[in-house]
PDB file of N, CA and C in Angstrom:
ATOM      1  N   MET A   1     -11.374  -0.066  14.395  1.00  0.00           N
ATOM      2  CA  MET A   1     -10.367  -0.246  15.420  1.00  0.00           C
ATOM      3  C   MET A   1      -9.592   1.054  15.549  1.00  0.00           C
ATOM      4  N   SER A   2      -9.408   1.518  16.759  1.00  0.00           N
ATOM      5  CA  SER A   2      -8.641   2.742  16.969  1.00  0.00           C
ATOM      6  C   SER A   2      -7.151   2.458  16.777  1.00  0.00           C
ATOM      7  N   TYR A   3      -6.394   3.513  16.621  1.00  0.00           N
ATOM      8  CA  TYR A   3      -4.950   3.386  16.430  1.00  0.00           C
ATOM      9  C   TYR A   3      -4.313   2.693  17.639  1.00  0.00           C
ATOM     10  N   ALA A   4      -4.676   3.134  18.843  1.00  0.00           N
ATOM     11  CA  ALA A   4      -4.106   2.550  20.060  1.00  0.00           C
ATOM     12  C   ALA A   4      -4.457   1.070  20.166  1.00  0.00           C
ATOM     13  N   LYS A   5      -5.680   0.718  19.823  1.00  0.00           N
ATOM     14  CA  LYS A   5      -6.114  -0.672  19.869  1.00  0.00           C
ATOM     15  C   LYS A   5      -5.347  -1.511  18.838  1.00  0.00           C
ATOM     16  N   ALA A   6      -5.103  -0.940  17.649  1.00  0.00           N
ATOM     17  CA  ALA A   6      -4.358  -1.650  16.601  1.00  0.00           C
ATOM     18  C   ALA A   6      -2.918  -1.908  17.027  1.00  0.00           C
ATOM     19  N   ILE A   7      -2.282  -0.932  17.659  1.00  0.00           N
ATOM     20  CA  ILE A   7      -0.906  -1.104  18.139  1.00  0.00           C
ATOM     21  C   ILE A   7      -0.862  -2.170  19.234  1.00  0.00           C
ATOM     22  N   LYS A   8      -1.820  -2.138  20.162  1.00  0.00           N
ATOM     23  CA  LYS A   8      -1.870  -3.141  21.230  1.00  0.00           C
ATOM     24  C   LYS A   8      -2.099  -4.530  20.636  1.00  0.00           C
ATOM     25  N   HIS A   9      -3.010  -4.639  19.683  1.00  0.00           N
ATOM     26  CA  HIS A   9      -3.276  -5.915  19.022  1.00  0.00           C
ATOM     27  C   HIS A   9      -2.017  -6.428  18.329  1.00  0.00           C
ATOM     28  N   SER A  10      -1.327  -5.548  17.662  1.00  0.00           N
ATOM     29  CA  SER A  10      -0.114  -5.930  16.934  1.00  0.00           C
ATOM     30  C   SER A  10       0.967  -6.413  17.891  1.00  0.00           C
ATOM     31  N   SER A  11       1.162  -5.714  18.991  1.00  0.00           N
ATOM     32  CA  SER A  11       2.212  -6.109  19.930  1.00  0.00           C
ATOM     33  C   SER A  11       1.867  -7.410  20.645  1.00  0.00           C
ATOM     34  N   ASN A  12       0.567  -7.683  20.829  1.00  0.00           N
ATOM     35  CA  ASN A  12       0.161  -8.925  21.474  1.00  0.00           C
ATOM     36  C   ASN A  12       0.211 -10.121  20.532  1.00  0.00           C
ATOM     37  N   HIS A  13      -0.058  -9.907  19.254  1.00  0.00           N
ATOM     38  CA  HIS A  13      -0.166 -11.016  18.317  1.00  0.00           C
ATOM     39  C   HIS A  13       1.019 -11.159  17.374  1.00  0.00           C
ATOM     40  N   CYS A  14       1.876 -10.181  17.337  1.00  0.00           N
ATOM     41  CA  CYS A  14       3.003 -10.211  16.405  1.00  0.00           C
ATOM     42  C   CYS A  14       4.291 -10.456  17.191  1.00  0.00           C
ATOM     43  N   LYS A  15       4.625 -11.717  17.383  1.00  0.00           N
ATOM     44  CA  LYS A  15       5.825 -12.064  18.145  1.00  0.00           C
ATOM     45  C   LYS A  15       7.095 -11.955  17.305  1.00  0.00           C
ATOM     46  N   ASP A  16       6.936 -11.963  15.982  1.00  0.00           N
ATOM     47  CA  ASP A  16       8.072 -11.822  15.077  1.00  0.00           C
ATOM     48  C   ASP A  16       8.443 -10.344  15.025  1.00  0.00           C
ATOM     49  N   LYS A  17       9.549  -9.968  15.623  1.00  0.00           N
ATOM     50  CA  LYS A  17       9.929  -8.562  15.728  1.00  0.00           C
ATOM     51  C   LYS A  17      10.395  -7.976  14.394  1.00  0.00           C
ATOM     52  N   GLN A  18      10.605  -8.804  13.365  1.00  0.00           N
ATOM     53  CA  GLN A  18      10.950  -8.288  12.049  1.00  0.00           C
ATOM     54  C   GLN A  18       9.736  -7.622  11.404  1.00  0.00           C
ATOM     55  N   ARG A  19       8.539  -8.064  11.782  1.00  0.00           N
ATOM     56  CA  ARG A  19       7.316  -7.476  11.246  1.00  0.00           C
ATOM     57  C   ARG A  19       6.861  -6.369  12.176  1.00  0.00           C
ATOM     58  N   GLN A  20       6.656  -5.204  11.627  1.00  0.00           N
ATOM     59  CA  GLN A  20       6.235  -4.061  12.429  1.00  0.00           C
ATOM     60  C   GLN A  20       4.808  -3.676  12.041  1.00  0.00           C
ATOM     61  N   PRO A  21       4.055  -3.067  12.951  1.00  0.00           N
ATOM     62  CA  PRO A  21       2.712  -2.620  12.607  1.00  0.00           C
ATOM     63  C   PRO A  21       2.773  -1.476  11.603  1.00  0.00           C
ATOM     64  N   VAL A  22       1.734  -1.358  10.800  1.00  0.00           N
ATOM     65  CA  VAL A  22       1.654  -0.263   9.844  1.00  0.00           C
ATOM     66  C   VAL A  22       1.207   0.979  10.600  1.00  0.00           C
ATOM     67  N   LEU A  23       2.023   2.011  10.564  1.00  0.00           N
ATOM     68  CA  LEU A  23       1.696   3.242  11.273  1.00  0.00           C
ATOM     69  C   LEU A  23       1.097   4.257  10.308  1.00  0.00           C
ATOM     70  N   GLY A  24       0.255   5.110  10.823  1.00  0.00           N
ATOM     71  CA  GLY A  24      -0.316   6.167  10.016  1.00  0.00           C
ATOM     72  C   GLY A  24      -1.517   5.758   9.190  1.00  0.00           C
ATOM     73  N   MET A  25      -2.012   4.539   9.348  1.00  0.00           N
ATOM     74  CA  MET A  25      -3.186   4.116   8.597  1.00  0.00           C
ATOM     75  C   MET A  25      -4.431   4.737   9.229  1.00  0.00           C
ATOM     76  N   PRO A  26      -5.444   4.999   8.443  1.00  0.00           N
ATOM     77  CA  PRO A  26      -6.659   5.639   8.973  1.00  0.00           C
ATOM     78  C   PRO A  26      -7.560   4.628   9.685  1.00  0.00           C
ATOM     79  N   PHE A  27      -7.213   4.272  10.905  1.00  0.00           N
ATOM     80  CA  PHE A  27      -7.965   3.267  11.641  1.00  0.00           C
ATOM     81  C   PHE A  27      -9.302   3.792  12.148  1.00  0.00           C
ATOM     82  N   GLU A  28      -9.365   5.079  12.459  1.00  0.00           N
ATOM     83  CA  GLU A  28     -10.599   5.629  13.004  1.00  0.00           C
ATOM     84  C   GLU A  28     -11.730   5.490  11.993  1.00  0.00           C
ATOM     85  N   GLY A  29     -12.871   5.068  12.438  1.00  0.00           N
ATOM     86  CA  GLY A  29     -14.030   4.961  11.576  1.00  0.00           C
ATOM     87  C   GLY A  29     -14.153   3.629  10.851  1.00  0.00           C
ATOM     88  N   LEU A  30     -13.147   2.770  10.961  1.00  0.00           N
ATOM     89  CA  LEU A  30     -13.232   1.454  10.320  1.00  0.00           C
ATOM     90  C   LEU A  30     -13.939   0.479  11.243  1.00  0.00           C
ATOM     91  N   LYS A  31     -14.679  -0.420  10.652  1.00  0.00           N
ATOM     92  CA  LYS A  31     -15.332  -1.464  11.429  1.00  0.00           C
ATOM     93  C   LYS A  31     -14.407  -2.666  11.507  1.00  0.00           C
ATOM     94  N   GLU A  32     -14.603  -3.484  12.483  1.00  0.00           N
ATOM     95  CA  GLU A  32     -13.791  -4.696  12.660  1.00  0.00           C
ATOM     96  C   GLU A  32     -13.823  -5.536  11.388  1.00  0.00           C
ATOM     97  N   GLY A  33     -12.673  -5.880  10.872  1.00  0.00           N
ATOM     98  CA  GLY A  33     -12.576  -6.712   9.686  1.00  0.00           C
ATOM     99  C   GLY A  33     -12.718  -5.955   8.374  1.00  0.00           C
ATOM    100  N   GLN A  34     -12.945  -4.655   8.430  1.00  0.00           N
ATOM    101  CA  GLN A  34     -13.093  -3.870   7.201  1.00  0.00           C
ATOM    102  C   GLN A  34     -11.742  -3.726   6.518  1.00  0.00           C
ATOM    103  N   HIS A  35     -11.735  -3.825   5.204  1.00  0.00           N
ATOM    104  CA  HIS A  35     -10.510  -3.789   4.416  1.00  0.00           C
ATOM    105  C   HIS A  35     -10.246  -2.382   3.886  1.00  0.00           C
ATOM    106  N   ILE A  36      -8.985  -1.951   3.957  1.00  0.00           N
ATOM    107  CA  ILE A  36      -8.575  -0.687   3.353  1.00  0.00           C
ATOM    108  C   ILE A  36      -7.952  -1.024   2.005  1.00  0.00           C
ATOM    109  N   GLU A  37      -8.526  -0.505   0.933  1.00  0.00           N
ATOM    110  CA  GLU A  37      -8.009  -0.804  -0.399  1.00  0.00           C
ATOM    111  C   GLU A  37      -6.692  -0.072  -0.617  1.00  0.00           C
ATOM    112  N   SER A  38      -5.708  -0.773  -1.148  1.00  0.00           N
ATOM    113  CA  SER A  38      -4.392  -0.184  -1.374  1.00  0.00           C
ATOM    114  C   SER A  38      -4.402   0.736  -2.581  1.00  0.00           C
ATOM    115  N   TYR A  39      -3.407   1.616  -2.640  1.00  0.00           N
ATOM    116  CA  TYR A  39      -3.234   2.522  -3.768  1.00  0.00           C
ATOM    117  C   TYR A  39      -3.082   1.727  -5.060  1.00  0.00           C
ATOM    118  N   TYR A  40      -2.310   0.637  -5.011  1.00  0.00           N
ATOM    119  CA  TYR A  40      -2.075  -0.192  -6.190  1.00  0.00           C
ATOM    120  C   TYR A  40      -3.376  -0.797  -6.703  1.00  0.00           C
ATOM    121  N   SER A  41      -4.191  -1.345  -5.815  1.00  0.00           N
ATOM    122  CA  SER A  41      -5.434  -1.972  -6.269  1.00  0.00           C
ATOM    123  C   SER A  41      -6.416  -0.936  -6.813  1.00  0.00           C
ATOM    124  N   VAL A  42      -6.412   0.277  -6.269  1.00  0.00           N
ATOM    125  CA  VAL A  42      -7.246   1.349  -6.817  1.00  0.00           C
ATOM    126  C   VAL A  42      -6.759   1.702  -8.222  1.00  0.00           C
ATOM    127  N   ALA A  43      -5.429   1.811  -8.388  1.00  0.00           N
ATOM    128  CA  ALA A  43      -4.857   2.136  -9.703  1.00  0.00           C
ATOM    129  C   ALA A  43      -5.202   1.067 -10.730  1.00  0.00           C
ATOM    130  N   LYS A  44      -5.059  -0.202 -10.374  1.00  0.00           N
ATOM    131  CA  LYS A  44      -5.364  -1.297 -11.306  1.00  0.00           C
ATOM    132  C   LYS A  44      -6.858  -1.360 -11.637  1.00  0.00           C
ATOM    133  N   ARG A  45      -7.690  -1.138 -10.644  1.00  0.00           N
ATOM    134  CA  ARG A  45      -9.142  -1.232 -10.838  1.00  0.00           C
ATOM    135  C   ARG A  45      -9.666  -0.106 -11.722  1.00  0.00           C
ATOM    136  N   THR A  46      -9.090   1.080 -11.610  1.00  0.00           N
ATOM    137  CA  THR A  46      -9.600   2.236 -12.336  1.00  0.00           C
ATOM    138  C   THR A  46      -8.857   2.515 -13.643  1.00  0.00           C
ATOM    139  N   ALA A  47      -7.831   1.731 -13.944  1.00  0.00           N
ATOM    140  CA  ALA A  47      -7.012   2.001 -15.139  1.00  0.00           C
ATOM    141  C   ALA A  47      -7.789   1.774 -16.427  1.00  0.00           C
ATOM    142  N   GLU A  48      -7.689   2.744 -17.316  1.00  0.00           N
ATOM    143  CA  GLU A  48      -8.255   2.618 -18.655  1.00  0.00           C
ATOM    144  C   GLU A  48      -7.140   2.462 -19.683  1.00  0.00           C
ATOM    145  N   SER A  49      -5.965   3.001 -19.362  1.00  0.00           N
ATOM    146  CA  SER A  49      -4.795   2.863 -20.234  1.00  0.00           C
ATOM    147  C   SER A  49      -3.532   3.029 -19.391  1.00  0.00           C
ATOM    148  N   TYR A  50      -2.406   2.650 -19.982  1.00  0.00           N
ATOM    149  CA  TYR A  50      -1.117   2.691 -19.284  1.00  0.00           C
ATOM    150  C   TYR A  50      -0.085   3.387 -20.170  1.00  0.00           C
ATOM    151  N   HIS A  51       0.921   4.004 -19.545  1.00  0.00           N
ATOM    152  CA  HIS A  51       2.038   4.584 -20.293  1.00  0.00           C
ATOM    153  C   HIS A  51       3.318   4.470 -19.469  1.00  0.00           C
ATOM    154  N   VAL A  52       4.454   4.685 -20.137  1.00  0.00           N
ATOM    155  CA  VAL A  52       5.775   4.541 -19.519  1.00  0.00           C
ATOM    156  C   VAL A  52       6.338   5.924 -19.234  1.00  0.00           C
ATOM    157  N   ARG A  53       6.980   6.059 -18.084  1.00  0.00           N
ATOM    158  CA  ARG A  53       7.698   7.284 -17.726  1.00  0.00           C
ATOM    159  C   ARG A  53       9.119   6.915 -17.314  1.00  0.00           C
ATOM    160  N   VAL A  54      10.044   7.832 -17.568  1.00  0.00           N
ATOM    161  CA  VAL A  54      11.447   7.623 -17.221  1.00  0.00           C
ATOM    162  C   VAL A  54      11.899   8.790 -16.349  1.00  0.00           C
ATOM    163  N   GLU A  55      12.707   8.480 -15.345  1.00  0.00           N
ATOM    164  CA  GLU A  55      13.212   9.510 -14.432  1.00  0.00           C
ATOM    165  C   GLU A  55      14.283  10.348 -15.128  1.00  0.00           C
ATOM    166  N   ASN A  56      14.172  11.664 -15.014  1.00  0.00           N
ATOM    167  CA  ASN A  56      15.188  12.539 -15.593  1.00  0.00           C
ATOM    168  C   ASN A  56      16.194  12.966 -14.515  1.00  0.00           C
ATOM    169  N   ASP A  57      17.094  13.879 -14.853  1.00  0.00           N
ATOM    170  CA  ASP A  57      18.136  14.320 -13.921  1.00  0.00           C
ATOM    171  C   ASP A  57      17.576  15.047 -12.702  1.00  0.00           C
ATOM    172  N   ASN A  58      16.389  15.628 -12.832  1.00  0.00           N
ATOM    173  CA  ASN A  58      15.760  16.357 -11.725  1.00  0.00           C
ATOM    174  C   ASN A  58      14.887  15.466 -10.854  1.00  0.00           C
ATOM    175  N   LYS A  59      15.002  14.142 -11.039  1.00  0.00           N
ATOM    176  CA  LYS A  59      14.216  13.164 -10.275  1.00  0.00           C
ATOM    177  C   LYS A  59      12.727  13.268 -10.546  1.00  0.00           C
ATOM    178  N   GLU A  60      12.355  13.726 -11.739  1.00  0.00           N
ATOM    179  CA  GLU A  60      10.964  13.777 -12.165  1.00  0.00           C
ATOM    180  C   GLU A  60      10.747  12.683 -13.196  1.00  0.00           C
ATOM    181  N   PHE A  61       9.561  12.120 -13.218  1.00  0.00           N
ATOM    182  CA  PHE A  61       9.258  11.072 -14.183  1.00  0.00           C
ATOM    183  C   PHE A  61       8.539  11.686 -15.377  1.00  0.00           C
ATOM    184  N   ILE A  62       9.202  11.621 -16.528  1.00  0.00           N
ATOM    185  CA  ILE A  62       8.719  12.219 -17.768  1.00  0.00           C
ATOM    186  C   ILE A  62       8.104  11.127 -18.651  1.00  0.00           C
ATOM    187  N   ARG A  63       6.936  11.411 -19.190  1.00  0.00           N
ATOM    188  CA  ARG A  63       6.256  10.451 -20.065  1.00  0.00           C
ATOM    189  C   ARG A  63       7.017  10.298 -21.380  1.00  0.00           C
ATOM    190  N   VAL A  64       7.254   9.039 -21.782  1.00  0.00           N
ATOM    191  CA  VAL A  64       8.016   8.779 -23.003  1.00  0.00           C
ATOM    192  C   VAL A  64       7.293   7.846 -23.980  1.00  0.00           C
ATOM    193  N   SER A  65       6.096   7.418 -23.665  1.00  0.00           N
ATOM    194  CA  SER A  65       5.415   6.455 -24.530  1.00  0.00           C
ATOM    195  C   SER A  65       3.986   6.889 -24.808  1.00  0.00           C
ATOM    196  N   PRO A  66       3.381   6.293 -25.836  1.00  0.00           N
ATOM    197  CA  PRO A  66       1.947   6.511 -26.064  1.00  0.00           C
ATOM    198  C   PRO A  66       1.132   5.700 -25.055  1.00  0.00           C
ATOM    199  N   ASP A  67      -0.183   5.804 -25.128  1.00  0.00           N
ATOM    200  CA  ASP A  67      -1.062   5.015 -24.260  1.00  0.00           C
ATOM    201  C   ASP A  67      -1.167   3.586 -24.776  1.00  0.00           C
ATOM    202  N   PHE A  68      -1.290   2.644 -23.824  1.00  0.00           N
ATOM    203  CA  PHE A  68      -1.465   1.228 -24.149  1.00  0.00           C
ATOM    204  C   PHE A  68      -2.690   0.707 -23.421  1.00  0.00           C
ATOM    205  N   ASP A  69      -3.317  -0.307 -24.002  1.00  0.00           N
ATOM    206  CA  ASP A  69      -4.525  -0.880 -23.406  1.00  0.00           C
ATOM    207  C   ASP A  69      -4.235  -1.711 -22.160  1.00  0.00           C
ATOM    208  N   THR A  70      -3.062  -2.360 -22.114  1.00  0.00           N
ATOM    209  CA  THR A  70      -2.727  -3.211 -20.969  1.00  0.00           C
ATOM    210  C   THR A  70      -1.355  -2.846 -20.424  1.00  0.00           C
ATOM    211  N   GLU A  71      -1.132  -3.217 -19.183  1.00  0.00           N
ATOM    212  CA  GLU A  71       0.179  -2.998 -18.559  1.00  0.00           C
ATOM    213  C   GLU A  71       1.248  -3.823 -19.275  1.00  0.00           C
ATOM    214  N   ASP A  72       0.899  -5.023 -19.714  1.00  0.00           N
ATOM    215  CA  ASP A  72       1.850  -5.872 -20.440  1.00  0.00           C
ATOM    216  C   ASP A  72       2.323  -5.214 -21.738  1.00  0.00           C
ATOM    217  N   ASP A  73       1.418  -4.545 -22.452  1.00  0.00           N
ATOM    218  CA  ASP A  73       1.803  -3.838 -23.674  1.00  0.00           C
ATOM    219  C   ASP A  73       2.792  -2.718 -23.361  1.00  0.00           C
ATOM    220  N   ALA A  74       2.557  -2.008 -22.252  1.00  0.00           N
ATOM    221  CA  ALA A  74       3.473  -0.933 -21.847  1.00  0.00           C
ATOM    222  C   ALA A  74       4.844  -1.507 -21.499  1.00  0.00           C
ATOM    223  N   ILE A  75       4.877  -2.642 -20.829  1.00  0.00           N
ATOM    224  CA  ILE A  75       6.147  -3.276 -20.462  1.00  0.00           C
ATOM    225  C   ILE A  75       6.880  -3.755 -21.712  1.00  0.00           C
ATOM    226  N   ASP A  76       6.153  -4.325 -22.667  1.00  0.00           N
ATOM    227  CA  ASP A  76       6.777  -4.751 -23.927  1.00  0.00           C
ATOM    228  C   ASP A  76       7.388  -3.562 -24.659  1.00  0.00           C
ATOM    229  N   TRP A  77       6.662  -2.434 -24.709  1.00  0.00           N
ATOM    230  CA  TRP A  77       7.197  -1.240 -25.356  1.00  0.00           C
ATOM    231  C   TRP A  77       8.466  -0.773 -24.661  1.00  0.00           C
ATOM    232  N   LEU A  78       8.440  -0.782 -23.327  1.00  0.00           N
ATOM    233  CA  LEU A  78       9.592  -0.367 -22.530  1.00  0.00           C
ATOM    234  C   LEU A  78      10.822  -1.210 -22.880  1.00  0.00           C
ATOM    235  N   ARG A  79      10.645  -2.519 -22.944  1.00  0.00           N
ATOM    236  CA  ARG A  79      11.762  -3.426 -23.230  1.00  0.00           C
ATOM    237  C   ARG A  79      12.301  -3.252 -24.647  1.00  0.00           C
ATOM    238  N   GLU A  80      11.434  -2.943 -25.588  1.00  0.00           N
ATOM    239  CA  GLU A  80      11.850  -2.818 -26.987  1.00  0.00           C
ATOM    240  C   GLU A  80      12.450  -1.457 -27.315  1.00  0.00           C
ATOM    241  N   ASN A  81      12.043  -0.396 -26.601  1.00  0.00           N
ATOM    242  CA  ASN A  81      12.407   0.954 -27.011  1.00  0.00           C
ATOM    243  C   ASN A  81      13.349   1.713 -26.082  1.00  0.00           C
ATOM    244  N   LEU A  82      13.591   1.203 -24.908  1.00  0.00           N
ATOM    245  CA  LEU A  82      14.472   1.904 -23.981  1.00  0.00           C
ATOM    246  C   LEU A  82      15.761   1.127 -23.773  1.00  0.00           C
ATOM    247  N   ASN A  83      16.864   1.872 -23.580  1.00  0.00           N
ATOM    248  CA  ASN A  83      18.124   1.187 -23.286  1.00  0.00           C
ATOM    249  C   ASN A  83      18.108   0.681 -21.840  1.00  0.00           C
ATOM    250  N   ARG A  84      19.075  -0.117 -21.497  1.00  0.00           N
ATOM    251  CA  ARG A  84      19.102  -0.788 -20.186  1.00  0.00           C
ATOM    252  C   ARG A  84      19.065   0.201 -19.025  1.00  0.00           C
ATOM    253  N   ASP A  85      19.814   1.303 -19.120  1.00  0.00           N
ATOM    254  CA  ASP A  85      19.835   2.289 -18.035  1.00  0.00           C
ATOM    255  C   ASP A  85      18.468   2.933 -17.841  1.00  0.00           C
ATOM    256  N   ASP A  86      17.817   3.292 -18.943  1.00  0.00           N
ATOM    257  CA  ASP A  86      16.489   3.891 -18.832  1.00  0.00           C
ATOM    258  C   ASP A  86      15.452   2.901 -18.308  1.00  0.00           C
ATOM    259  N   GLN A  87      15.614   1.633 -18.658  1.00  0.00           N
ATOM    260  CA  GLN A  87      14.695   0.613 -18.155  1.00  0.00           C
ATOM    261  C   GLN A  87      14.759   0.526 -16.633  1.00  0.00           C
ATOM    262  N   LEU A  88      15.963   0.713 -16.083  1.00  0.00           N
ATOM    263  CA  LEU A  88      16.122   0.637 -14.628  1.00  0.00           C
ATOM    264  C   LEU A  88      15.450   1.801 -13.910  1.00  0.00           C
ATOM    265  N   PHE A  89      15.271   2.921 -14.602  1.00  0.00           N
ATOM    266  CA  PHE A  89      14.670   4.107 -13.984  1.00  0.00           C
ATOM    267  C   PHE A  89      13.319   4.439 -14.614  1.00  0.00           C
ATOM    268  N   SER A  90      12.569   3.417 -14.962  1.00  0.00           N
ATOM    269  CA  SER A  90      11.271   3.634 -15.593  1.00  0.00           C
ATOM    270  C   SER A  90      10.148   3.143 -14.696  1.00  0.00           C
ATOM    271  N   ARG A  91       8.955   3.669 -14.952  1.00  0.00           N
ATOM    272  CA  ARG A  91       7.758   3.288 -14.214  1.00  0.00           C
ATOM    273  C   ARG A  91       6.568   3.240 -15.161  1.00  0.00           C
ATOM    274  N   ILE A  92       5.582   2.455 -14.780  1.00  0.00           N
ATOM    275  CA  ILE A  92       4.327   2.372 -15.532  1.00  0.00           C
ATOM    276  C   ILE A  92       3.265   3.158 -14.746  1.00  0.00           C
ATOM    277  N   TYR A  93       2.564   4.047 -15.449  1.00  0.00           N
ATOM    278  CA  TYR A  93       1.499   4.848 -14.860  1.00  0.00           C
ATOM    279  C   TYR A  93       0.191   4.595 -15.610  1.00  0.00           C
ATOM    280  N   THR A  94      -0.921   4.923 -14.960  1.00  0.00           N
ATOM    281  CA  THR A  94      -2.225   4.840 -15.619  1.00  0.00           C
ATOM    282  C   THR A  94      -2.577   6.201 -16.209  1.00  0.00           C
ATOM    283  N   GLN A  95      -3.693   6.255 -16.941  1.00  0.00           N
ATOM    284  CA  GLN A  95      -4.137   7.518 -17.534  1.00  0.00           C
ATOM    285  C   GLN A  95      -4.447   8.543 -16.451  1.00  0.00           C
ATOM    286  N   ALA A  96      -4.759   8.094 -15.247  1.00  0.00           N
ATOM    287  CA  ALA A  96      -5.083   8.996 -14.141  1.00  0.00           C
ATOM    288  C   ALA A  96      -3.835   9.405 -13.354  1.00  0.00           C
ATOM    289  N   GLU A  97      -2.651   9.173 -13.938  1.00  0.00           N
ATOM    290  CA  GLU A  97      -1.366   9.543 -13.341  1.00  0.00           C
ATOM    291  C   GLU A  97      -1.092   8.783 -12.046  1.00  0.00           C
ATOM    292  N   MET A  98      -1.631   7.572 -11.943  1.00  0.00           N
ATOM    293  CA  MET A  98      -1.381   6.739 -10.771  1.00  0.00           C
ATOM    294  C   MET A  98      -0.274   5.746 -11.094  1.00  0.00           C
ATOM    295  N   TYR A  99       0.727   5.686 -10.222  1.00  0.00           N
ATOM    296  CA  TYR A  99       1.867   4.803 -10.380  1.00  0.00           C
ATOM    297  C   TYR A  99       1.441   3.359 -10.164  1.00  0.00           C
ATOM    298  N   VAL A 100       1.809   2.468 -11.105  1.00  0.00           N
ATOM    299  CA  VAL A 100       1.405   1.076 -11.014  1.00  0.00           C
ATOM    300  C   VAL A 100       2.595   0.154 -10.742  1.00  0.00           C
ATOM    301  N   SER A 101       3.670   0.276 -11.522  1.00  0.00           N
ATOM    302  CA  SER A 101       4.805  -0.625 -11.320  1.00  0.00           C
ATOM    303  C   SER A 101       6.091   0.009 -11.808  1.00  0.00           C
ATOM    304  N   GLY A 102       7.201  -0.589 -11.404  1.00  0.00           N
ATOM    305  CA  GLY A 102       8.527  -0.111 -11.759  1.00  0.00           C
ATOM    306  C   GLY A 102       9.315   0.223 -10.521  1.00  0.00           C
ATOM    307  N   TRP A 103      10.512   0.691 -10.715  1.00  0.00           N
ATOM    308  CA  TRP A 103      11.387   0.997  -9.575  1.00  0.00           C
ATOM    309  C   TRP A 103      11.027   2.329  -8.981  1.00  0.00           C
TER     310      TRP A 103
END
C-alpha cells in the first residue's frame, strides 16, 4: 500500500479523531495485509541476554548490571539493587543494545 493510499484508507475508516494514522512507515513495497515487525518484537525475538541501564546526568544510559538470561531476572535485579530514583530512570536492554522496556 502506498503512503497516499494508507492515509486515504485511514481517513475513510478511522472516524475516531483521537486515533491518528502512523506517519513515516515504509509503506512502499509492502503487499496488502503484510505485517511490519516492530522494534520491540525484533528485540524480544533476537535477545540472548538482558541487562539494566540507568540514565546519567548527560541523558545517556549507562550499563549497571551483569547479563541475565531473562528479562524477569533483569527486573528482579533492578528492584533489589537500585534505589527508587534510579529505578524510575532505568531501562532493560538486550545484548545487541536494543531497548526492551523501562521509562
